[in-house]
Amino acid sequence: MGKINYLKDTKRFWQERADARISLEKKREGATLAAKEKEAKQLKSDSLFLKTGRILSTKH
């Protein structure tokens, strides 16, 4: 019975993710070139930050 609830939650998660992606793509379609460039720079900056960051370990 636990698996059925998990499957429902997983399906709902992926459906919400797909809806969010569609919404984001529509938002990006209507953006100006300057806004697209700004977003691309921010994404590249975030990616670089995540790649160069230290991995923290827990003290368990």
Protein backbone atom coordinates (compact mmCIF):
# COMPACT_ATOMS: atom_id res chain seq x y z
CA MET A 1 0.00 0.00 0.00
CA GLY A 2 2.91 2.33 0.67
CA LYS A 3 4.15 1.88 -2.88
CA ILE A 4 0.84 3.06 -4.33
CA ASN A 5 1.03 6.34 -2.40
CA TYR A 6 4.65 6.75 -3.43
CA LEU A 7 3.78 6.20 -7.08
CA LYS A 8 1.00 8.76 -6.91
CA ASP A 9 3.35 11.31 -5.33
CA THR A 10 6.02 10.59 -7.94
CA LYS A 11 3.56 11.00 -10.79
CA ARG A 12 2.29 14.25 -9.28
CA PHE A 13 5.87 15.50 -8.85
CA TRP A 14 6.75 14.85 -12.50
CA GLN A 15 3.48 16.39 -13.69
CA GLU A 16 4.12 19.55 -11.66
CA ARG A 17 7.69 19.67 -12.96
CA ALA A 18 6.50 19.36 -16.56
CA ASP A 19 3.93 22.13 -16.01
CA ALA A 20 6.61 24.36 -14.48
CA ARG A 21 8.95 23.74 -17.44
CA ILE A 22 6.20 24.66 -19.92
CA SER A 23 5.45 27.82 -17.95
CA LEU A 24 9.14 28.76 -17.85
CA GLU A 25 9.56 28.16 -21.59
CA LYS A 26 6.58 30.39 -22.35
CA LYS A 27 8.04 33.09 -20.11
CA ARG A 28 11.40 32.85 -21.88
CA GLU A 29 9.81 33.04 -25.34
CA GLY A 30 8.44 36.49 -24.65
CA ALA A 31 11.60 37.85 -23.04
CA THR A 32 13.75 40.49 -24.70
CA LEU A 33 17.25 39.69 -25.92
CA ALA A 34 18.77 41.71 -23.07
CA ALA A 35 16.76 39.73 -20.51
CA LYS A 36 17.84 36.46 -22.12
CA GLU A 37 21.50 37.53 -21.99
CA LYS A 38 21.17 38.54 -18.34
CA GLU A 39 19.58 35.19 -17.46
CA ALA A 40 22.29 33.28 -19.36
CA LYS A 41 25.03 35.15 -17.48
CA GLN A 42 23.33 34.41 -14.16
CA LEU A 43 22.97 30.71 -14.99
CA LYS A 44 26.63 30.51 -16.02
CA SER A 45 27.68 32.28 -12.82
CA ASP A 46 25.58 29.92 -10.70
CA SER A 47 27.01 26.90 -12.50
CA LEU A 48 30.59 28.07 -11.95
CA PHE A 49 29.88 28.74 -8.28
CA LEU A 50 28.45 25.25 -7.78
CA LYS A 51 31.36 23.59 -9.60
CA THR A 52 34.01 25.40 -7.55
CA GLY A 53 32.34 25.04 -4.17
CA ARG A 54 33.58 22.82 -1.37
CA ILE A 55 31.71 19.68 -0.44
CA LEU A 56 30.66 19.82 3.19
CA SER A 57 30.47 16.65 5.18
CA THR A 58 28.18 16.00 8.10
CA LYS A 59 29.50 15.12 11.54
CA HIS A 60 27.41 12.00 12.17
